[in-house]
C-alpha atoms as a PDB file:
ATOM      1  CA  MET A   1      50.101 -10.006 -19.902  1.00  0.00           C
ATOM      2  CA  LYS A   2      48.597 -12.202 -22.615  1.00  0.00           C
ATOM      3  CA  VAL A   3      45.218 -13.694 -21.857  1.00  0.00           C
ATOM      4  CA  ILE A   4      42.456 -15.569 -23.657  1.00  0.00           C
ATOM      5  CA  ARG A   5      39.121 -13.767 -23.861  1.00  0.00           C
ATOM      6  CA  ILE A   6      35.707 -15.217 -24.692  1.00  0.00           C
ATOM      7  CA  GLU A   7      33.935 -13.495 -27.570  1.00  0.00           C
ATOM      8  CA  ASN A   8      30.283 -14.166 -28.393  1.00  0.00           C
ATOM      9  CA  PRO A   9      29.617 -16.455 -25.396  1.00  0.00           C
ATOM     10  CA  GLY A  10      27.225 -19.219 -26.356  1.00  0.00           C
ATOM     11  CA  PRO A  11      27.163 -22.116 -28.839  1.00  0.00           C
ATOM     12  CA  GLY A  12      29.316 -20.212 -31.361  1.00  0.00           C
ATOM     13  CA  TYR A  13      31.808 -18.734 -28.895  1.00  0.00           C
ATOM     14  CA  ARG A  14      35.263 -17.619 -29.978  1.00  0.00           C
ATOM     15  CA  LEU A  15      38.509 -17.577 -27.962  1.00  0.00           C
ATOM     16  CA  VAL A  16      40.840 -14.726 -28.845  1.00  0.00           C
ATOM     17  CA  LEU A  17      44.240 -13.651 -27.562  1.00  0.00           C
ATOM     18  CA  GLY A  18      44.228 -10.319 -25.750  1.00  0.00           C
ATOM     19  CA  GLU A  19      46.151  -8.253 -23.226  1.00  0.00           C
ATOM     20  CA  THR A  20      45.363  -7.292 -19.655  1.00  0.00           C
ATOM     21  CA  GLY A  21      47.192  -6.132 -16.552  1.00  0.00           C
ATOM     22  CA  ARG A  22      49.104  -8.583 -14.406  1.00  0.00           C
ATOM     23  CA  PRO A  23      47.141  -9.359 -11.230  1.00  0.00           C
ATOM     24  CA  ASP A  24      48.517  -8.720  -7.759  1.00  0.00           C
ATOM     25  CA  PRO A  25      48.324 -11.489  -5.135  1.00  0.00           C
ATOM     26  CA  GLY A  26      46.081 -10.788  -2.168  1.00  0.00           C
ATOM     27  CA  PRO A  27      46.159 -12.365   1.295  1.00  0.00           C
ATOM     28  CA  GLY A  28      46.943 -16.069   1.104  1.00  0.00           C
ATOM     29  CA  GLU A  29      47.635 -15.950  -2.634  1.00  0.00           C
ATOM     30  CA  ILE A  30      50.649 -16.484  -4.855  1.00  0.00           C
ATOM     31  CA  LEU A  31      51.150 -15.307  -8.428  1.00  0.00           C
ATOM     32  CA  ILE A  32      52.278 -18.054 -10.803  1.00  0.00           C
ATOM     33  CA  LYS A  33      54.154 -17.467 -14.069  1.00  0.00           C
ATOM     34  CA  VAL A  34      52.186 -20.001 -16.069  1.00  0.00           C
ATOM     35  CA  ALA A  35      54.064 -22.724 -17.928  1.00  0.00           C
ATOM     36  CA  ALA A  36      50.906 -24.606 -18.896  1.00  0.00           C
ATOM     37  CA  SER A  37      47.214 -24.723 -18.107  1.00  0.00           C
ATOM     38  CA  GLY A  38      44.854 -27.676 -18.290  1.00  0.00           C
ATOM     39  CA  ILE A  39      41.671 -27.773 -20.380  1.00  0.00           C
ATOM     40  CA  ASN A  40      38.515 -29.013 -18.669  1.00  0.00           C
ATOM     41  CA  ARG A  41      34.944 -29.534 -19.854  1.00  0.00           C
ATOM     42  CA  ALA A  42      33.900 -26.880 -17.370  1.00  0.00           C
ATOM     43  CA  ASP A  43      35.813 -24.387 -19.541  1.00  0.00           C
ATOM     44  CA  LEU A  44      33.700 -25.327 -22.557  1.00  0.00           C
ATOM     45  CA  LEU A  45      30.522 -24.999 -20.502  1.00  0.00           C
ATOM     46  CA  GLN A  46      31.581 -21.568 -19.235  1.00  0.00           C
ATOM     47  CA  ALA A  47      32.372 -20.364 -22.756  1.00  0.00           C
ATOM     48  CA  ARG A  48      28.923 -21.540 -23.860  1.00  0.00           C
ATOM     49  CA  GLY A  49      27.337 -19.528 -21.055  1.00  0.00           C
ATOM     50  CA  HIS A  50      26.291 -22.483 -18.881  1.00  0.00           C
ATOM     51  CA  TYR A  51      28.828 -22.415 -16.017  1.00  0.00           C
ATOM     52  CA  PRO A  52      29.459 -18.929 -14.621  1.00  0.00           C
ATOM     53  CA  PRO A  53      32.424 -18.530 -12.270  1.00  0.00           C
ATOM     54  CA  PRO A  54      31.608 -18.323  -8.548  1.00  0.00           C
ATOM     55  CA  PRO A  55      31.517 -14.883  -6.874  1.00  0.00           C
ATOM     56  CA  GLY A  56      34.963 -13.316  -6.698  1.00  0.00           C
ATOM     57  CA  ALA A  57      36.562 -15.698  -9.216  1.00  0.00           C
ATOM     58  CA  SER A  58      38.354 -14.530 -12.330  1.00  0.00           C
ATOM     59  CA  PRO A  59      36.133 -14.486 -15.449  1.00  0.00           C
ATOM     60  CA  ILE A  60      39.110 -15.807 -17.414  1.00  0.00           C
ATOM     61  CA  LEU A  61      38.887 -19.501 -18.298  1.00  0.00           C
ATOM     62  CA  GLY A  62      41.211 -22.075 -16.750  1.00  0.00           C
ATOM     63  CA  LEU A  63      40.889 -24.145 -13.576  1.00  0.00           C
ATOM     64  CA  GLU A  64      44.447 -25.461 -13.218  1.00  0.00           C
ATOM     65  CA  VAL A  65      47.979 -24.347 -14.036  1.00  0.00           C
ATOM     66  CA  SER A  66      51.606 -25.161 -13.473  1.00  0.00           C
ATOM     67  CA  GLY A  67      54.586 -22.851 -13.445  1.00  0.00           C
ATOM     68  CA  ALA A  68      56.941 -20.903 -11.192  1.00  0.00           C
ATOM     69  CA  VAL A  69      56.061 -18.704  -8.232  1.00  0.00           C
ATOM     70  CA  ALA A  70      56.510 -15.096  -9.398  1.00  0.00           C
ATOM     71  CA  GLU A  71      55.153 -13.144  -6.436  1.00  0.00           C
ATOM     72  CA  ILE A  72      53.900 -13.930  -2.937  1.00  0.00           C
ATOM     73  CA  GLY A  73      51.020 -12.167  -1.226  1.00  0.00           C
ATOM     74  CA  PRO A  74      50.550 -11.458   2.484  1.00  0.00           C
ATOM     75  CA  ASP A  75      50.103 -14.512   4.703  1.00  0.00           C
ATOM     76  CA  ALA A  76      50.969 -16.903   1.857  1.00  0.00           C
ATOM     77  CA  ALA A  77      53.514 -19.114   3.575  1.00  0.00           C
ATOM     78  CA  GLY A  78      55.105 -22.278   2.255  1.00  0.00           C
ATOM     79  CA  TYR A  79      56.612 -21.189  -1.057  1.00  0.00           C
ATOM     80  CA  LYS A  80      59.338 -18.901  -2.311  1.00  0.00           C
ATOM     81  CA  ILE A  81      59.825 -17.083  -5.603  1.00  0.00           C
ATOM     82  CA  GLY A  82      61.019 -19.487  -8.284  1.00  0.00           C
ATOM     83  CA  ASP A  83      59.449 -22.619  -6.774  1.00  0.00           C
ATOM     84  CA  GLU A  84      57.856 -24.855  -9.398  1.00  0.00           C
ATOM     85  CA  VAL A  85      54.247 -25.552  -8.464  1.00  0.00           C
ATOM     86  CA  CYS A  86      50.886 -26.622  -9.821  1.00  0.00           C
ATOM     87  CA  ALA A  87      47.569 -25.304  -8.590  1.00  0.00           C
ATOM     88  CA  LEU A  88      43.819 -25.673  -8.685  1.00  0.00           C
ATOM     89  CA  LEU A  89      42.086 -22.391  -9.550  1.00  0.00           C
ATOM     90  CA  THR A  90      38.566 -20.977  -9.553  1.00  0.00           C
ATOM     91  CA  GLY A  91      39.473 -19.306 -12.860  1.00  0.00           C
ATOM     92  CA  GLY A  92      42.223 -17.368 -14.597  1.00  0.00           C
ATOM     93  CA  GLY A  93      44.424 -20.124 -16.009  1.00  0.00           C
ATOM     94  CA  TYR A  94      44.344 -19.156 -19.706  1.00  0.00           C
ATOM     95  CA  ALA A  95      46.920 -16.402 -19.183  1.00  0.00           C
ATOM     96  CA  GLU A  96      50.613 -15.708 -18.761  1.00  0.00           C
ATOM     97  CA  TYR A  97      50.157 -15.207 -15.008  1.00  0.00           C
ATOM     98  CA  ALA A  98      47.539 -16.661 -12.663  1.00  0.00           C
ATOM     99  CA  LEU A  99      46.612 -16.189  -9.022  1.00  0.00           C
ATOM    100  CA  ALA A 100      46.245 -19.224  -6.766  1.00  0.00           C
ATOM    101  CA  HIS A 101      45.346 -19.530  -3.111  1.00  0.00           C
ATOM    102  CA  VAL A 102      48.037 -21.464  -1.233  1.00  0.00           C
ATOM    103  CA  SER A 103      45.372 -23.913  -0.029  1.00  0.00           C
ATOM    104  CA  CYS A 104      45.159 -25.195  -3.603  1.00  0.00           C
ATOM    105  CA  VAL A 105      48.887 -25.288  -4.447  1.00  0.00           C
ATOM    106  CA  LEU A 106      51.177 -28.321  -4.568  1.00  0.00           C
ATOM    107  CA  PRO A 107      54.824 -28.676  -5.603  1.00  0.00           C
ATOM    108  CA  VAL A 108      55.599 -30.173  -8.998  1.00  0.00           C
ATOM    109  CA  PRO A 109      56.195 -33.842  -8.172  1.00  0.00           C
ATOM    110  CA  LYS A 110      59.510 -35.555  -8.708  1.00  0.00           C
ATOM    111  CA  HIS A 111      59.882 -37.059 -12.226  1.00  0.00           C
ATOM    112  CA  VAL A 112      57.160 -34.772 -13.662  1.00  0.00           C
ATOM    113  CA  THR A 113      58.026 -31.803 -15.883  1.00  0.00           C
ATOM    114  CA  VAL A 114      56.652 -28.417 -14.924  1.00  0.00           C
ATOM    115  CA  MET A 115      54.555 -28.404 -18.114  1.00  0.00           C
ATOM    116  CA  ASP A 116      53.047 -31.857 -17.549  1.00  0.00           C
ATOM    117  CA  ALA A 117      52.220 -30.941 -13.949  1.00  0.00           C
ATOM    118  CA  ALA A 118      49.360 -28.780 -15.272  1.00  0.00           C
ATOM    119  CA  ALA A 119      47.513 -32.047 -15.932  1.00  0.00           C
ATOM    120  CA  LEU A 120      47.472 -32.996 -12.247  1.00  0.00           C
ATOM    121  CA  PRO A 121      45.437 -30.618 -10.027  1.00  0.00           C
ATOM    122  CA  GLU A 122      41.858 -30.730 -11.322  1.00  0.00           C
ATOM    123  CA  ALA A 123      41.917 -34.458 -12.092  1.00  0.00           C
ATOM    124  CA  HIS A 124      43.404 -35.503  -8.765  1.00  0.00           C
ATOM    125  CA  PHE A 125      41.453 -33.095  -6.554  1.00  0.00           C
ATOM    126  CA  THR A 126      38.289 -34.363  -8.266  1.00  0.00           C
ATOM    127  CA  ALA A 127      39.169 -38.062  -8.216  1.00  0.00           C
ATOM    128  CA  TRP A 128      40.263 -38.015  -4.574  1.00  0.00           C
ATOM    129  CA  THR A 129      37.340 -36.124  -3.066  1.00  0.00           C
ATOM    130  CA  ASN A 130      34.719 -38.055  -5.005  1.00  0.00           C
ATOM    131  CA  LEU A 131      36.165 -41.496  -4.406  1.00  0.00           C
ATOM    132  CA  MET A 132      37.390 -41.066  -0.852  1.00  0.00           C
ATOM    133  CA  ASP A 133      35.052 -38.445   0.610  1.00  0.00           C
ATOM    134  CA  ALA A 134      31.726 -38.697  -1.250  1.00  0.00           C
ATOM    135  CA  GLY A 135      32.305 -42.349  -2.226  1.00  0.00           C
ATOM    136  CA  ARG A 136      33.625 -43.388   1.209  1.00  0.00           C
ATOM    137  CA  LEU A 137      35.890 -45.921  -0.496  1.00  0.00           C
ATOM    138  CA  GLN A 138      37.174 -48.639   1.837  1.00  0.00           C
ATOM    139  CA  PRO A 139      40.226 -50.911   1.433  1.00  0.00           C
ATOM    140  CA  GLY A 140      39.615 -53.802  -0.936  1.00  0.00           C
ATOM    141  CA  GLU A 141      36.456 -52.369  -2.507  1.00  0.00           C
ATOM    142  CA  SER A 142      35.788 -52.354  -6.243  1.00  0.00           C
ATOM    143  CA  VAL A 143      35.125 -49.297  -8.420  1.00  0.00           C
ATOM    144  CA  LEU A 144      33.618 -48.593 -11.834  1.00  0.00           C
ATOM    145  CA  VAL A 145      35.019 -45.452 -13.478  1.00  0.00           C
ATOM    146  CA  HIS A 146      33.012 -44.097 -16.390  1.00  0.00           C
ATOM    147  CA  GLY A 147      34.956 -42.046 -18.917  1.00  0.00           C
ATOM    148  CA  GLY A 148      38.057 -44.026 -18.072  1.00  0.00           C
ATOM    149  CA  ALA A 149      40.189 -42.372 -20.761  1.00  0.00           C
ATOM    150  CA  SER A 150      39.358 -38.822 -19.677  1.00  0.00           C
ATOM    151  CA  GLY A 151      41.679 -36.719 -17.569  1.00  0.00           C
ATOM    152  CA  ILE A 152      39.779 -37.578 -14.402  1.00  0.00           C
ATOM    153  CA  GLY A 153      39.349 -41.192 -15.503  1.00  0.00           C
ATOM    154  CA  THR A 154      43.037 -41.811 -16.163  1.00  0.00           C
ATOM    155  CA  ALA A 155      43.919 -40.257 -12.793  1.00  0.00           C
ATOM    156  CA  ALA A 156      41.272 -42.287 -10.947  1.00  0.00           C
ATOM    157  CA  ILE A 157      42.246 -45.622 -12.522  1.00  0.00           C
ATOM    158  CA  GLN A 158      45.909 -45.172 -11.618  1.00  0.00           C
ATOM    159  CA  LEU A 159      45.129 -44.079  -8.072  1.00  0.00           C
ATOM    160  CA  LEU A 160      42.789 -47.005  -7.490  1.00  0.00           C
ATOM    161  CA  ALA A 161      45.217 -49.521  -8.972  1.00  0.00           C
ATOM    162  CA  ALA A 162      48.074 -48.136  -6.856  1.00  0.00           C
ATOM    163  CA  LEU A 163      45.896 -48.556  -3.746  1.00  0.00           C
ATOM    164  CA  ARG A 164      45.087 -52.147  -4.782  1.00  0.00           C
ATOM    165  CA  HIS A 165      41.420 -51.713  -5.606  1.00  0.00           C
ATOM    166  CA  THR A 166      39.735 -53.706  -8.354  1.00  0.00           C
ATOM    167  CA  VAL A 167      39.010 -51.188 -11.106  1.00  0.00           C
ATOM    168  CA  PHE A 168      36.586 -51.380 -14.008  1.00  0.00           C
ATOM    169  CA  ALA A 169      36.274 -48.623 -16.586  1.00  0.00           C
ATOM    170  CA  THR A 170      34.194 -47.678 -19.599  1.00  0.00           C
ATOM    171  CA  ALA A 171      35.651 -46.157 -22.755  1.00  0.00           C
ATOM    172  CA  GLY A 172      34.612 -45.730 -26.369  1.00  0.00           C
ATOM    173  CA  SER A 173      37.409 -46.925 -28.639  1.00  0.00           C
ATOM    174  CA  GLU A 174      39.984 -49.696 -28.939  1.00  0.00           C
ATOM    175  CA  GLY A 175      42.800 -47.266 -28.161  1.00  0.00           C
ATOM    176  CA  LYS A 176      41.062 -45.940 -25.069  1.00  0.00           C
ATOM    177  CA  ILE A 177      40.271 -49.445 -23.884  1.00  0.00           C
ATOM    178  CA  LYS A 178      43.944 -50.324 -24.205  1.00  0.00           C
ATOM    179  CA  THR A 179      44.980 -47.227 -22.250  1.00  0.00           C
ATOM    180  CA  CYS A 180      42.595 -48.018 -19.390  1.00  0.00           C
ATOM    181  CA  MET A 181      43.979 -51.553 -19.148  1.00  0.00           C
ATOM    182  CA  GLU A 182      47.582 -50.315 -19.212  1.00  0.00           C
ATOM    183  CA  LEU A 183      46.807 -47.879 -16.400  1.00  0.00           C
ATOM    184  CA  GLY A 184      45.471 -50.629 -14.148  1.00  0.00           C
ATOM    185  CA  ALA A 185      41.849 -51.441 -14.977  1.00  0.00           C
ATOM    186  CA  ARG A 186      41.061 -55.147 -14.526  1.00  0.00           C
ATOM    187  CA  ARG A 187      38.471 -54.880 -17.283  1.00  0.00           C
ATOM    188  CA  ALA A 188      37.809 -51.977 -19.641  1.00  0.00           C
ATOM    189  CA  ILE A 189      34.359 -52.036 -21.220  1.00  0.00           C
ATOM    190  CA  ASP A 190      33.628 -50.718 -24.709  1.00  0.00           C
ATOM    191  CA  TYR A 191      30.395 -48.863 -23.999  1.00  0.00           C
ATOM    192  CA  ARG A 192      29.629 -48.596 -27.724  1.00  0.00           C
ATOM    193  CA  ASN A 193      29.510 -52.360 -28.179  1.00  0.00           C
ATOM    194  CA  GLU A 194      29.068 -53.814 -24.672  1.00  0.00           C
ATOM    195  CA  ASP A 195      26.506 -53.458 -21.894  1.00  0.00           C
ATOM    196  CA  PHE A 196      28.530 -52.349 -18.888  1.00  0.00           C
ATOM    197  CA  VAL A 197      25.859 -53.614 -16.484  1.00  0.00           C
ATOM    198  CA  ALA A 198      26.070 -57.139 -17.911  1.00  0.00           C
ATOM    199  CA  VAL A 199      29.868 -57.076 -17.917  1.00  0.00           C
ATOM    200  CA  ILE A 200      30.041 -55.877 -14.305  1.00  0.00           C
ATOM    201  CA  LYS A 201      27.629 -58.570 -13.159  1.00  0.00           C
ATOM    202  CA  GLU A 202      29.647 -61.231 -14.981  1.00  0.00           C
ATOM    203  CA  GLU A 203      32.990 -59.981 -13.665  1.00  0.00           C
ATOM    204  CA  THR A 204      31.724 -59.783 -10.060  1.00  0.00           C
ATOM    205  CA  GLN A 205      29.651 -62.990 -10.090  1.00  0.00           C
ATOM    206  CA  GLY A 206      26.483 -60.944  -9.812  1.00  0.00           C
ATOM    207  CA  ARG A 207      27.609 -58.882  -6.808  1.00  0.00           C
ATOM    208  CA  GLY A 208      28.153 -55.516  -8.502  1.00  0.00           C
ATOM    209  CA  VAL A 209      30.688 -52.825  -7.634  1.00  0.00           C
ATOM    210  CA  ASP A 210      31.033 -50.849  -4.418  1.00  0.00           C
ATOM    211  CA  VAL A 211      31.599 -47.372  -5.870  1.00  0.00           C
ATOM    212  CA  ILE A 212      30.729 -45.873  -9.262  1.00  0.00           C
ATOM    213  CA  LEU A 213      32.262 -42.606 -10.455  1.00  0.00           C
ATOM    214  CA  ASP A 214      30.036 -41.208 -13.211  1.00  0.00           C
ATOM    215  CA  MET A 215      30.296 -38.143 -15.425  1.00  0.00           C
ATOM    216  CA  VAL A 216      27.748 -39.335 -18.012  1.00  0.00           C
ATOM    217  CA  GLY A 217      24.301 -39.188 -16.422  1.00  0.00           C
ATOM    218  CA  GLY A 218      21.251 -39.687 -18.630  1.00  0.00           C
ATOM    219  CA  ASP A 219      20.361 -43.360 -18.991  1.00  0.00           C
ATOM    220  CA  TYR A 220      23.499 -44.273 -17.024  1.00  0.00           C
ATOM    221  CA  ILE A 221      21.701 -43.158 -13.844  1.00  0.00           C
ATOM    222  CA  GLN A 222      19.417 -46.201 -13.880  1.00  0.00           C
ATOM    223  CA  ARG A 223      22.091 -48.523 -15.214  1.00  0.00           C
ATOM    224  CA  ASN A 224      24.487 -47.501 -12.441  1.00  0.00           C
ATOM    225  CA  ILE A 225      21.862 -48.499  -9.895  1.00  0.00           C
ATOM    226  CA  GLU A 226      21.690 -51.918 -11.549  1.00  0.00           C
ATOM    227  CA  ALA A 227      25.492 -52.288 -11.553  1.00  0.00           C
ATOM    228  CA  ALA A 228      25.988 -51.273  -7.921  1.00  0.00           C
ATOM    229  CA  ALA A 229      26.530 -53.757  -5.108  1.00  0.00           C
ATOM    230  CA  VAL A 230      24.499 -53.783  -1.898  1.00  0.00           C
ATOM    231  CA  ARG A 231      25.402 -50.635   0.085  1.00  0.00           C
ATOM    232  CA  GLY A 232      27.090 -49.246  -3.026  1.00  0.00           C
ATOM    233  CA  ARG A 233      27.791 -45.554  -3.541  1.00  0.00           C
ATOM    234  CA  ILE A 234      27.196 -43.797  -6.854  1.00  0.00           C
ATOM    235  CA  VAL A 235      28.844 -40.393  -7.275  1.00  0.00           C
ATOM    236  CA  ASN A 236      27.962 -38.110 -10.198  1.00  0.00           C
ATOM    237  CA  ILE A 237      30.400 -35.357 -11.124  1.00  0.00           C
ATOM    238  CA  ALA A 238      28.782 -34.347 -14.440  1.00  0.00           C
ATOM    239  CA  TYR A 239      25.793 -35.136 -16.654  1.00  0.00           C
ATOM    240  CA  GLN A 240      27.159 -35.186 -20.191  1.00  0.00           C
ATOM    241  CA  LYS A 241      24.135 -37.178 -21.453  1.00  0.00           C
ATOM    242  CA  GLY A 242      21.686 -35.082 -19.453  1.00  0.00           C
ATOM    243  CA  ALA A 243      20.656 -34.436 -15.855  1.00  0.00           C
ATOM    244  CA  GLU A 244      17.127 -35.792 -16.279  1.00  0.00           C
ATOM    245  CA  ALA A 245      16.158 -39.463 -16.388  1.00  0.00           C
ATOM    246  CA  ARG A 246      13.247 -41.757 -15.595  1.00  0.00           C
ATOM    247  CA  VAL A 247      14.466 -43.771 -12.606  1.00  0.00           C
ATOM    248  CA  ASN A 248      13.137 -46.799 -10.756  1.00  0.00           C
ATOM    249  CA  PHE A 249      14.185 -46.180  -7.149  1.00  0.00           C
ATOM    250  CA  ALA A 250      13.065 -49.574  -5.839  1.00  0.00           C
ATOM    251  CA  PRO A 251      16.577 -51.076  -6.240  1.00  0.00           C
ATOM    252  CA  VAL A 252      18.026 -48.078  -4.382  1.00  0.00           C
ATOM    253  CA  ILE A 253      16.004 -49.065  -1.322  1.00  0.00           C
ATOM    254  CA  ALA A 254      16.548 -52.794  -1.795  1.00  0.00           C
ATOM    255  CA  LYS A 255      20.311 -52.405  -2.090  1.00  0.00           C
ATOM    256  CA  ARG A 256      20.544 -49.557   0.469  1.00  0.00           C
ATOM    257  CA  LEU A 257      22.447 -47.443  -2.034  1.00  0.00           C
ATOM    258  CA  THR A 258      23.816 -43.929  -1.640  1.00  0.00           C
ATOM    259  CA  LEU A 259      23.410 -41.519  -4.551  1.00  0.00           C
ATOM    260  CA  ALA A 260      25.649 -38.458  -4.425  1.00  0.00           C
ATOM    261  CA  ALA A 261      26.596 -35.582  -6.721  1.00  0.00           C
ATOM    262  CA  THR A 262      29.361 -33.060  -6.146  1.00  0.00           C
ATOM    263  CA  THR A 263      31.141 -30.059  -7.583  1.00  0.00           C
ATOM    264  CA  LEU A 264      34.586 -28.716  -6.701  1.00  0.00           C
ATOM    265  CA  ARG A 265      34.980 -25.169  -8.006  1.00  0.00           C
ATOM    266  CA  ALA A 266      32.850 -23.290  -5.466  1.00  0.00           C
ATOM    267  CA  ARG A 267      34.097 -25.105  -2.354  1.00  0.00           C
ATOM    268  CA  THR A 268      35.733 -23.112   0.409  1.00  0.00           C
ATOM    269  CA  THR A 269      39.495 -22.761   0.702  1.00  0.00           C
ATOM    270  CA  GLU A 270      39.315 -24.846   3.878  1.00  0.00           C
ATOM    271  CA  GLU A 271      37.620 -27.718   2.044  1.00  0.00           C
ATOM    272  CA  LYS A 272      40.125 -27.549  -0.806  1.00  0.00           C
ATOM    273  CA  ALA A 273      43.015 -27.397   1.662  1.00  0.00           C
ATOM    274  CA  ALA A 274      41.868 -30.684   3.196  1.00  0.00           C
ATOM    275  CA  ILE A 275      41.900 -32.320  -0.229  1.00  0.00           C
ATOM    276  CA  ARG A 276      45.311 -30.765  -0.981  1.00  0.00           C
ATOM    277  CA  ASP A 277      46.711 -32.212   2.234  1.00  0.00           C
ATOM    278  CA  ALA A 278      45.365 -35.685   1.399  1.00  0.00           C
ATOM    279  CA  LEU A 279      46.938 -35.506  -2.061  1.00  0.00           C
ATOM    280  CA  ALA A 280      50.263 -34.403  -0.591  1.00  0.00           C
ATOM    281  CA  ASP A 281      50.217 -37.287   1.884  1.00  0.00           C
ATOM    282  CA  THR A 282      49.068 -40.104  -0.403  1.00  0.00           C
ATOM    283  CA  VAL A 283      49.011 -39.252  -4.108  1.00  0.00           C
ATOM    284  CA  TRP A 284      52.099 -37.088  -4.628  1.00  0.00           C
ATOM    285  CA  PRO A 285      54.395 -39.821  -3.195  1.00  0.00           C
ATOM    286  CA  LEU A 286      52.827 -42.303  -5.649  1.00  0.00           C
ATOM    287  CA  ILE A 287      53.575 -39.897  -8.490  1.00  0.00           C
ATOM    288  CA  ALA A 288      57.158 -39.487  -7.246  1.00  0.00           C
ATOM    289  CA  GLU A 289      57.443 -43.301  -7.271  1.00  0.00           C
ATOM    290  CA  ARG A 290      56.155 -43.289 -10.881  1.00  0.00           C
ATOM    291  CA  ARG A 291      53.155 -45.405  -9.927  1.00  0.00           C
ATOM    292  CA  ILE A 292      50.908 -42.594 -11.165  1.00  0.00           C
ATOM    293  CA  ARG A 293      51.728 -40.358 -14.115  1.00  0.00           C
ATOM    294  CA  PRO A 294      49.998 -37.535 -15.969  1.00  0.00           C
ATOM    295  CA  VAL A 295      48.459 -38.725 -19.235  1.00  0.00           C
ATOM    296  CA  ILE A 296      48.776 -36.001 -21.875  1.00  0.00           C
ATOM    297  CA  ASP A 297      46.729 -36.067 -25.082  1.00  0.00           C
ATOM    298  CA  GLY A 298      48.107 -32.940 -26.703  1.00  0.00           C
ATOM    299  CA  VAL A 299      49.637 -29.508 -26.151  1.00  0.00           C
ATOM    300  CA  TYR A 300      48.520 -26.274 -27.851  1.00  0.00           C
ATOM    301  CA  PRO A 301      49.912 -22.722 -27.768  1.00  0.00           C
ATOM    302  CA  LEU A 302      47.811 -20.269 -25.761  1.00  0.00           C
ATOM    303  CA  ALA A 303      46.802 -18.476 -28.973  1.00  0.00           C
ATOM    304  CA  GLU A 304      45.270 -21.735 -30.271  1.00  0.00           C
ATOM    305  CA  ALA A 305      42.986 -22.273 -27.292  1.00  0.00           C
ATOM    306  CA  ILE A 306      39.971 -22.700 -29.573  1.00  0.00           C
ATOM    307  CA  LYS A 307      41.677 -25.677 -31.251  1.00  0.00           C
ATOM    308  CA  ALA A 308      42.208 -27.254 -27.838  1.00  0.00           C
ATOM    309  CA  HIS A 309      38.514 -26.753 -27.081  1.00  0.00           C
ATOM    310  CA  GLU A 310      37.558 -28.325 -30.398  1.00  0.00           C
ATOM    311  CA  ARG A 311      39.733 -31.318 -29.592  1.00  0.00           C
ATOM    312  CA  MET A 312      37.969 -31.792 -26.267  1.00  0.00           C
ATOM    313  CA  ALA A 313      34.513 -31.221 -27.739  1.00  0.00           C
ATOM    314  CA  GLU A 314      34.948 -33.977 -30.333  1.00  0.00           C
ATOM    315  CA  GLY A 315      35.603 -36.483 -27.550  1.00  0.00           C
ATOM    316  CA  SER A 316      38.452 -38.423 -29.127  1.00  0.00           C
ATOM    317  CA  HIS A 317      41.149 -37.312 -26.693  1.00  0.00           C
ATOM    318  CA  THR A 318      42.808 -39.527 -24.080  1.00  0.00           C
ATOM    319  CA  GLY A 319      43.978 -37.879 -20.873  1.00  0.00           C
ATOM    320  CA  LYS A 320      44.559 -34.160 -20.521  1.00  0.00           C
ATOM    321  CA  ILE A 321      44.809 -31.385 -23.108  1.00  0.00           C
ATOM    322  CA  LEU A 322      47.179 -28.549 -22.208  1.00  0.00           C
ATOM    323  CA  LEU A 323      47.801 -24.948 -23.241  1.00  0.00           C
ATOM    324  CA  ILE A 324      51.318 -23.548 -23.029  1.00  0.00           C
ATOM    325  CA  SER A 325      52.019 -19.840 -22.528  1.00  0.00           C
END
């Protein structure tokens, strides 16, 4: 089968098309004939040598795919050959075939094409577990989503709006601001020209927001503390501006804040299954009702994976970038 290999891992990495044997599904696994795979920043980090796959995971890039079930392993109930599915992976998505554990598989939702469904797993698994589990989001609470035009951001805004939460988002261009507003943000903040802390305080009459979903880090760490409401929860899922910062923790005590940081890839199948079940119960029906949709920035052939990475690295994309086999 065709597969993308990493050559010269590091800052000047290359992605080249190669060939390898088709994998066989083990216990609890299905083999998916890949229609499309989603690009994630974790892929860029892995190619640069900063994010090795967890033990036992495929060294091939790619954390989510969509396609048709091609083979079913032992004890992998729930699907039959030919079913159209999408799946969260620990690796292996940049290929013609990919293995997925059934705990991380969902059917392609109604009104979504099998190709576009590749944009759903990573963004929605991440948004759900960080907002609902780590963020302990309660009905009626408000949320600030940083990186609102990213794949995770566009998923989170739509989910929150569908569940009737007040959503604020940050983004870095007029087009991205417009997208965030169209997806359900009450106010989208241009972080290049506006101070999100000041805007949040103005919009909430000084109260702040209940939950902040942050992938930026750096100086945002302190500013998030300032923007949070009393008993607020701040959840970091990445540190694109750096994981180190000088922080005044006095407001954390005064406001009784919770600071959390999570990853998804190395979680157990049982943990991922719980998230999958929550998505199936709550999010997939919203997608079927067209209240949530995948936001696709662009689609690239598998052989042009490096161009897809360059598109993500430049930061001008909105929503998900996909590879098609």
